[in-house]
Amino acid sequence: MANQFMTTGEIADELGVTRDRVEYIVRSRKIGPVSRAGNYRLFNAEQVEQIRQVNANPGSPGTPAAPTHAAGTGGTTN
């Protein structure tokens, strides 16, 4: 990590995930940005590491798993 801070997009690129995945982790774990630059939220190295850990271990205790959608749950019945 060359910069002191990273944006959501930079974190997503580094982890090889979507921005939505990073946003989900940030919201569910209540990881707030340390700073803002215009419309960009900036995260420090400690916060990036928290996001990295949650992404690497989505099923660990206290870590919410990514939302999933079950097949066939469109609301219709036969």
PDB file of N, CA and C in Angstrom:
ATOM      1  N   MET A   1       0.852  -1.157   0.000  1.00  0.00           N
ATOM      2  CA  MET A   1       0.000   0.000   0.000  1.00  0.00           C
ATOM      3  C   MET A   1       0.902   1.225   0.000  1.00  0.00           C
ATOM      4  N   ALA A   2       1.013   1.881  -1.112  1.00  0.00           N
ATOM      5  CA  ALA A   2       1.915   3.017  -1.256  1.00  0.00           C
ATOM      6  C   ALA A   2       1.379   4.267  -0.576  1.00  0.00           C
ATOM      7  N   ASN A   3       0.066   4.509  -0.666  1.00  0.00           N
ATOM      8  CA  ASN A   3      -0.519   5.696  -0.065  1.00  0.00           C
ATOM      9  C   ASN A   3      -0.850   5.455   1.398  1.00  0.00           C
ATOM     10  N   GLN A   4      -0.983   6.551   2.131  1.00  0.00           N
ATOM     11  CA  GLN A   4      -1.362   6.444   3.532  1.00  0.00           C
ATOM     12  C   GLN A   4      -2.819   6.010   3.658  1.00  0.00           C
ATOM     13  N   PHE A   5      -3.668   6.444   2.713  1.00  0.00           N
ATOM     14  CA  PHE A   5      -5.086   6.113   2.732  1.00  0.00           C
ATOM     15  C   PHE A   5      -5.490   5.455   1.422  1.00  0.00           C
ATOM     16  N   MET A   6      -6.593   4.683   1.487  1.00  0.00           N
ATOM     17  CA  MET A   6      -7.123   4.042   0.286  1.00  0.00           C
ATOM     18  C   MET A   6      -8.616   4.306   0.194  1.00  0.00           C
ATOM     19  N   THR A   7      -9.117   4.390  -1.042  1.00  0.00           N
ATOM     20  CA  THR A   7     -10.547   4.530  -1.274  1.00  0.00           C
ATOM     21  C   THR A   7     -11.175   3.140  -1.366  1.00  0.00           C
ATOM     22  N   THR A   8     -12.504   3.110  -1.364  1.00  0.00           N
ATOM     23  CA  THR A   8     -13.228   1.847  -1.508  1.00  0.00           C
ATOM     24  C   THR A   8     -12.823   1.128  -2.791  1.00  0.00           C
ATOM     25  N   GLY A   9     -12.725   1.868  -3.886  1.00  0.00           N
ATOM     26  CA  GLY A   9     -12.346   1.272  -5.165  1.00  0.00           C
ATOM     27  C   GLY A   9     -10.942   0.700  -5.149  1.00  0.00           C
ATOM     28  N   GLU A  10     -10.024   1.405  -4.517  1.00  0.00           N
ATOM     29  CA  GLU A  10      -8.647   0.909  -4.428  1.00  0.00           C
ATOM     30  C   GLU A  10      -8.575  -0.356  -3.591  1.00  0.00           C
ATOM     31  N   ILE A  11      -9.354  -0.395  -2.512  1.00  0.00           N
ATOM     32  CA  ILE A  11      -9.388  -1.597  -1.663  1.00  0.00           C
ATOM     33  C   ILE A  11      -9.955  -2.771  -2.467  1.00  0.00           C
ATOM     34  N   ALA A  12     -11.039  -2.523  -3.181  1.00  0.00           N
ATOM     35  CA  ALA A  12     -11.659  -3.573  -3.995  1.00  0.00           C
ATOM     36  C   ALA A  12     -10.679  -4.107  -5.028  1.00  0.00           C
ATOM     37  N   ASP A  13      -9.978  -3.210  -5.699  1.00  0.00           N
ATOM     38  CA  ASP A  13      -8.994  -3.637  -6.703  1.00  0.00           C
ATOM     39  C   ASP A  13      -7.896  -4.472  -6.072  1.00  0.00           C
ATOM     40  N   GLU A  14      -7.413  -4.056  -4.922  1.00  0.00           N
ATOM     41  CA  GLU A  14      -6.335  -4.793  -4.252  1.00  0.00           C
ATOM     42  C   GLU A  14      -6.782  -6.179  -3.811  1.00  0.00           C
ATOM     43  N   LEU A  15      -8.032  -6.290  -3.345  1.00  0.00           N
ATOM     44  CA  LEU A  15      -8.534  -7.577  -2.871  1.00  0.00           C
ATOM     45  C   LEU A  15      -9.105  -8.445  -3.985  1.00  0.00           C
ATOM     46  N   GLY A  16      -9.308  -7.860  -5.161  1.00  0.00           N
ATOM     47  CA  GLY A  16      -9.878  -8.623  -6.270  1.00  0.00           C
ATOM     48  C   GLY A  16     -11.354  -8.905  -6.084  1.00  0.00           C
ATOM     49  N   VAL A  17     -12.068  -7.977  -5.445  1.00  0.00           N
ATOM     50  CA  VAL A  17     -13.509  -8.116  -5.229  1.00  0.00           C
ATOM     51  C   VAL A  17     -14.204  -6.880  -5.787  1.00  0.00           C
ATOM     52  N   THR A  18     -15.518  -6.881  -5.750  1.00  0.00           N
ATOM     53  CA  THR A  18     -16.273  -5.733  -6.230  1.00  0.00           C
ATOM     54  C   THR A  18     -16.326  -4.646  -5.156  1.00  0.00           C
ATOM     55  N   ARG A  19     -16.630  -3.447  -5.592  1.00  0.00           N
ATOM     56  CA  ARG A  19     -16.831  -2.346  -4.642  1.00  0.00           C
ATOM     57  C   ARG A  19     -18.021  -2.641  -3.741  1.00  0.00           C
ATOM     58  N   ASP A  20     -19.037  -3.304  -4.298  1.00  0.00           N
ATOM     59  CA  ASP A  20     -20.201  -3.664  -3.486  1.00  0.00           C
ATOM     60  C   ASP A  20     -19.815  -4.568  -2.326  1.00  0.00           C
ATOM     61  N   ARG A  21     -18.898  -5.499  -2.569  1.00  0.00           N
ATOM     62  CA  ARG A  21     -18.437  -6.392  -1.497  1.00  0.00           C
ATOM     63  C   ARG A  21     -17.744  -5.589  -0.400  1.00  0.00           C
ATOM     64  N   VAL A  22     -16.880  -4.656  -0.784  1.00  0.00           N
ATOM     65  CA  VAL A  22     -16.194  -3.818   0.201  1.00  0.00           C
ATOM     66  C   VAL A  22     -17.215  -2.980   0.962  1.00  0.00           C
ATOM     67  N   GLU A  23     -18.184  -2.401   0.253  1.00  0.00           N
ATOM     68  CA  GLU A  23     -19.221  -1.592   0.901  1.00  0.00           C
ATOM     69  C   GLU A  23     -20.013  -2.429   1.898  1.00  0.00           C
ATOM     70  N   TYR A  24     -20.324  -3.664   1.522  1.00  0.00           N
ATOM     71  CA  TYR A  24     -21.055  -4.563   2.412  1.00  0.00           C
ATOM     72  C   TYR A  24     -20.265  -4.816   3.696  1.00  0.00           C
ATOM     73  N   ILE A  25     -18.986  -5.105   3.550  1.00  0.00           N
ATOM     74  CA  ILE A  25     -18.133  -5.349   4.721  1.00  0.00           C
ATOM     75  C   ILE A  25     -18.076  -4.104   5.592  1.00  0.00           C
ATOM     76  N   VAL A  26     -17.879  -2.951   4.979  1.00  0.00           N
ATOM     77  CA  VAL A  26     -17.777  -1.690   5.730  1.00  0.00           C
ATOM     78  C   VAL A  26     -19.069  -1.428   6.505  1.00  0.00           C
ATOM     79  N   ARG A  27     -20.227  -1.607   5.836  1.00  0.00           N
ATOM     80  CA  ARG A  27     -21.509  -1.365   6.511  1.00  0.00           C
ATOM     81  C   ARG A  27     -21.768  -2.372   7.625  1.00  0.00           C
ATOM     82  N   SER A  28     -21.560  -3.649   7.341  1.00  0.00           N
ATOM     83  CA  SER A  28     -21.907  -4.690   8.308  1.00  0.00           C
ATOM     84  C   SER A  28     -20.980  -4.688   9.516  1.00  0.00           C
ATOM     85  N   ARG A  29     -19.751  -4.281   9.330  1.00  0.00           N
ATOM     86  CA  ARG A  29     -18.785  -4.239  10.436  1.00  0.00           C
ATOM     87  C   ARG A  29     -18.646  -2.843  11.026  1.00  0.00           C
ATOM     88  N   LYS A  30     -19.396  -1.883  10.467  1.00  0.00           N
ATOM     89  CA  LYS A  30     -19.365  -0.504  10.929  1.00  0.00           C
ATOM     90  C   LYS A  30     -17.938   0.050  10.957  1.00  0.00           C
ATOM     91  N   ILE A  31     -17.231  -0.169   9.861  1.00  0.00           N
ATOM     92  CA  ILE A  31     -15.878   0.352   9.698  1.00  0.00           C
ATOM     93  C   ILE A  31     -16.010   1.697   9.007  1.00  0.00           C
ATOM     94  N   GLY A  32     -15.833   2.770   9.756  1.00  0.00           N
ATOM     95  CA  GLY A  32     -16.002   4.100   9.199  1.00  0.00           C
ATOM     96  C   GLY A  32     -14.716   4.617   8.587  1.00  0.00           C
ATOM     97  N   PRO A  33     -14.855   5.515   7.629  1.00  0.00           N
ATOM     98  CA  PRO A  33     -13.651   6.110   7.036  1.00  0.00           C
ATOM     99  C   PRO A  33     -12.983   7.049   8.033  1.00  0.00           C
ATOM    100  N   VAL A  34     -11.696   7.201   7.922  1.00  0.00           N
ATOM    101  CA  VAL A  34     -10.983   8.121   8.804  1.00  0.00           C
ATOM    102  C   VAL A  34     -11.011   9.530   8.266  1.00  0.00           C
ATOM    103  N   SER A  35     -11.274   9.652   6.972  1.00  0.00           N
ATOM    104  CA  SER A  35     -11.244  10.961   6.351  1.00  0.00           C
ATOM    105  C   SER A  35     -12.082  10.936   5.083  1.00  0.00           C
ATOM    106  N   ARG A  36     -12.328  12.119   4.556  1.00  0.00           N
ATOM    107  CA  ARG A  36     -13.029  12.253   3.287  1.00  0.00           C
ATOM    108  C   ARG A  36     -12.276  13.221   2.404  1.00  0.00           C
ATOM    109  N   ALA A  37     -12.307  12.934   1.121  1.00  0.00           N
ATOM    110  CA  ALA A  37     -11.733  13.834   0.126  1.00  0.00           C
ATOM    111  C   ALA A  37     -12.781  13.975  -0.963  1.00  0.00           C
ATOM    112  N   GLY A  38     -13.555  15.044  -0.900  1.00  0.00           N
ATOM    113  CA  GLY A  38     -14.664  15.188  -1.832  1.00  0.00           C
ATOM    114  C   GLY A  38     -15.695  14.114  -1.545  1.00  0.00           C
ATOM    115  N   ASN A  39     -16.056  13.352  -2.568  1.00  0.00           N
ATOM    116  CA  ASN A  39     -17.017  12.258  -2.401  1.00  0.00           C
ATOM    117  C   ASN A  39     -16.351  10.936  -2.036  1.00  0.00           C
ATOM    118  N   TYR A  40     -15.054  10.923  -1.857  1.00  0.00           N
ATOM    119  CA  TYR A  40     -14.318   9.689  -1.558  1.00  0.00           C
ATOM    120  C   TYR A  40     -14.144   9.511  -0.062  1.00  0.00           C
ATOM    121  N   ARG A  41     -14.429   8.298   0.400  1.00  0.00           N
ATOM    122  CA  ARG A  41     -14.142   7.956   1.789  1.00  0.00           C
ATOM    123  C   ARG A  41     -12.759   7.325   1.829  1.00  0.00           C
ATOM    124  N   LEU A  42     -11.970   7.706   2.781  1.00  0.00           N
ATOM    125  CA  LEU A  42     -10.590   7.230   2.862  1.00  0.00           C
ATOM    126  C   LEU A  42     -10.417   6.350   4.102  1.00  0.00           C
ATOM    127  N   PHE A  43      -9.742   5.225   3.910  1.00  0.00           N
ATOM    128  CA  PHE A  43      -9.516   4.261   4.975  1.00  0.00           C
ATOM    129  C   PHE A  43      -8.026   4.128   5.226  1.00  0.00           C
ATOM    130  N   ASN A  44      -7.646   4.025   6.511  1.00  0.00           N
ATOM    131  CA  ASN A  44      -6.224   3.885   6.841  1.00  0.00           C
ATOM    132  C   ASN A  44      -5.816   2.408   6.776  1.00  0.00           C
ATOM    133  N   ALA A  45      -4.541   2.150   6.992  1.00  0.00           N
ATOM    134  CA  ALA A  45      -4.001   0.794   6.864  1.00  0.00           C
ATOM    135  C   ALA A  45      -4.668  -0.187   7.824  1.00  0.00           C
ATOM    136  N   GLU A  46      -4.980   0.244   9.029  1.00  0.00           N
ATOM    137  CA  GLU A  46      -5.624  -0.630  10.010  1.00  0.00           C
ATOM    138  C   GLU A  46      -7.026  -1.030   9.536  1.00  0.00           C
ATOM    139  N   GLN A  47      -7.759  -0.090   9.000  1.00  0.00           N
ATOM    140  CA  GLN A  47      -9.095  -0.378   8.510  1.00  0.00           C
ATOM    141  C   GLN A  47      -9.051  -1.269   7.271  1.00  0.00           C
ATOM    142  N   VAL A  48      -8.090  -1.028   6.400  1.00  0.00           N
ATOM    143  CA  VAL A  48      -7.931  -1.881   5.217  1.00  0.00           C
ATOM    144  C   VAL A  48      -7.639  -3.314   5.657  1.00  0.00           C
ATOM    145  N   GLU A  49      -6.830  -3.472   6.673  1.00  0.00           N
ATOM    146  CA  GLU A  49      -6.526  -4.812   7.185  1.00  0.00           C
ATOM    147  C   GLU A  49      -7.780  -5.472   7.763  1.00  0.00           C
ATOM    148  N   GLN A  50      -8.626  -4.706   8.459  1.00  0.00           N
ATOM    149  CA  GLN A  50      -9.889  -5.251   8.971  1.00  0.00           C
ATOM    150  C   GLN A  50     -10.758  -5.742   7.821  1.00  0.00           C
ATOM    151  N   ILE A  51     -10.865  -4.953   6.779  1.00  0.00           N
ATOM    152  CA  ILE A  51     -11.658  -5.333   5.607  1.00  0.00           C
ATOM    153  C   ILE A  51     -11.066  -6.578   4.965  1.00  0.00           C
ATOM    154  N   ARG A  52      -9.749  -6.628   4.857  1.00  0.00           N
ATOM    155  CA  ARG A  52      -9.062  -7.781   4.270  1.00  0.00           C
ATOM    156  C   ARG A  52      -9.356  -9.050   5.084  1.00  0.00           C
ATOM    157  N   GLN A  53      -9.304  -8.956   6.404  1.00  0.00           N
ATOM    158  CA  GLN A  53      -9.545 -10.112   7.269  1.00  0.00           C
ATOM    159  C   GLN A  53     -10.981 -10.616   7.137  1.00  0.00           C
ATOM    160  N   VAL A  54     -11.941  -9.697   7.134  1.00  0.00           N
ATOM    161  CA  VAL A  54     -13.343 -10.102   6.998  1.00  0.00           C
ATOM    162  C   VAL A  54     -13.559 -10.764   5.643  1.00  0.00           C
ATOM    163  N   ASN A  55     -12.972 -10.218   4.593  1.00  0.00           N
ATOM    164  CA  ASN A  55     -13.120 -10.802   3.264  1.00  0.00           C
ATOM    165  C   ASN A  55     -12.493 -12.189   3.191  1.00  0.00           C
ATOM    166  N   ALA A  56     -11.368 -12.379   3.856  1.00  0.00           N
ATOM    167  CA  ALA A  56     -10.671 -13.670   3.813  1.00  0.00           C
ATOM    168  C   ALA A  56     -11.378 -14.731   4.648  1.00  0.00           C
ATOM    169  N   ASN A  57     -12.118 -14.314   5.673  1.00  0.00           N
ATOM    170  CA  ASN A  57     -12.769 -15.255   6.595  1.00  0.00           C
ATOM    171  C   ASN A  57     -14.235 -14.889   6.773  1.00  0.00           C
ATOM    172  N   PRO A  58     -15.043 -14.962   5.711  1.00  0.00           N
ATOM    173  CA  PRO A  58     -16.422 -14.492   5.807  1.00  0.00           C
ATOM    174  C   PRO A  58     -17.296 -15.284   6.765  1.00  0.00           C
ATOM    175  N   GLY A  59     -16.920 -16.500   7.113  1.00  0.00           N
ATOM    176  CA  GLY A  59     -17.749 -17.304   8.000  1.00  0.00           C
ATOM    177  C   GLY A  59     -17.250 -17.368   9.425  1.00  0.00           C
ATOM    178  N   SER A  60     -16.221 -16.597   9.768  1.00  0.00           N
ATOM    179  CA  SER A  60     -15.683 -16.666  11.120  1.00  0.00           C
ATOM    180  C   SER A  60     -16.657 -16.029  12.107  1.00  0.00           C
ATOM    181  N   PRO A  61     -16.603 -16.432  13.384  1.00  0.00           N
ATOM    182  CA  PRO A  61     -17.527 -15.897  14.380  1.00  0.00           C
ATOM    183  C   PRO A  61     -17.472 -14.370  14.432  1.00  0.00           C
ATOM    184  N   GLY A  62     -18.654 -13.778  14.470  1.00  0.00           N
ATOM    185  CA  GLY A  62     -18.739 -12.332  14.535  1.00  0.00           C
ATOM    186  C   GLY A  62     -18.561 -11.644  13.199  1.00  0.00           C
ATOM    187  N   THR A  63     -18.333 -12.420  12.164  1.00  0.00           N
ATOM    188  CA  THR A  63     -18.129 -11.865  10.830  1.00  0.00           C
ATOM    189  C   THR A  63     -19.309 -12.247   9.961  1.00  0.00           C
ATOM    190  N   PRO A  64     -20.063 -11.282   9.484  1.00  0.00           N
ATOM    191  CA  PRO A  64     -21.218 -11.623   8.656  1.00  0.00           C
ATOM    192  C   PRO A  64     -20.788 -12.157   7.306  1.00  0.00           C
ATOM    193  N   ALA A  65     -21.451 -13.193   6.870  1.00  0.00           N
ATOM    194  CA  ALA A  65     -21.183 -13.738   5.542  1.00  0.00           C
ATOM    195  C   ALA A  65     -21.841 -12.850   4.507  1.00  0.00           C
ATOM    196  N   ALA A  66     -21.374 -12.939   3.290  1.00  0.00           N
ATOM    197  CA  ALA A  66     -21.976 -12.168   2.204  1.00  0.00           C
ATOM    198  C   ALA A  66     -23.410 -12.638   2.007  1.00  0.00           C
ATOM    199  N   PRO A  67     -24.303 -11.731   1.655  1.00  0.00           N
ATOM    200  CA  PRO A  67     -25.687 -12.142   1.446  1.00  0.00           C
ATOM    201  C   PRO A  67     -25.794 -13.098   0.270  1.00  0.00           C
ATOM    202  N   THR A  68     -26.658 -14.077   0.414  1.00  0.00           N
ATOM    203  CA  THR A  68     -26.866 -15.038  -0.662  1.00  0.00           C
ATOM    204  C   THR A  68     -28.352 -15.052  -1.002  1.00  0.00           C
ATOM    205  N   HIS A  69     -28.663 -15.487  -2.191  1.00  0.00           N
ATOM    206  CA  HIS A  69     -30.047 -15.580  -2.638  1.00  0.00           C
ATOM    207  C   HIS A  69     -30.315 -17.010  -3.042  1.00  0.00           C
ATOM    208  N   ALA A  70     -31.259 -17.621  -2.375  1.00  0.00           N
ATOM    209  CA  ALA A  70     -31.587 -19.010  -2.672  1.00  0.00           C
ATOM    210  C   ALA A  70     -32.321 -19.105  -3.994  1.00  0.00           C
ATOM    211  N   ALA A  71     -32.030 -20.153  -4.731  1.00  0.00           N
ATOM    212  CA  ALA A  71     -32.701 -20.360  -6.011  1.00  0.00           C
ATOM    213  C   ALA A  71     -34.163 -20.696  -5.767  1.00  0.00           C
ATOM    214  N   GLY A  72     -35.002 -20.223  -6.647  1.00  0.00           N
ATOM    215  CA  GLY A  72     -36.405 -20.569  -6.562  1.00  0.00           C
ATOM    216  C   GLY A  72     -37.173 -19.809  -5.494  1.00  0.00           C
ATOM    217  N   THR A  73     -36.687 -18.673  -5.053  1.00  0.00           N
ATOM    218  CA  THR A  73     -37.390 -17.928  -4.017  1.00  0.00           C
ATOM    219  C   THR A  73     -38.050 -16.684  -4.599  1.00  0.00           C
ATOM    220  N   GLY A  74     -38.569 -16.812  -5.796  1.00  0.00           N
ATOM    221  CA  GLY A  74     -39.163 -15.677  -6.471  1.00  0.00           C
ATOM    222  C   GLY A  74     -40.562 -15.334  -5.982  1.00  0.00           C
ATOM    223  N   GLY A  75     -41.073 -16.074  -5.012  1.00  0.00           N
ATOM    224  CA  GLY A  75     -42.354 -15.746  -4.444  1.00  0.00           C
ATOM    225  C   GLY A  75     -43.528 -16.467  -5.080  1.00  0.00           C
ATOM    226  N   THR A  76     -43.287 -17.279  -6.070  1.00  0.00           N
ATOM    227  CA  THR A  76     -44.393 -18.023  -6.688  1.00  0.00           C
ATOM    228  C   THR A  76     -44.409 -19.436  -6.161  1.00  0.00           C
ATOM    229  N   THR A  77     -45.585 -20.005  -6.075  1.00  0.00           N
ATOM    230  CA  THR A  77     -45.711 -21.393  -5.635  1.00  0.00           C
ATOM    231  C   THR A  77     -46.530 -22.155  -6.662  1.00  0.00           C
ATOM    232  N   ASN A  78     -46.369 -23.459  -6.644  1.00  0.00           N
ATOM    233  CA  ASN A  78     -47.130 -24.322  -7.567  1.00  0.00           C
ATOM    234  C   ASN A  78     -48.190 -25.031  -6.839  1.00  0.00           C
TER     235      ASN A  78
END
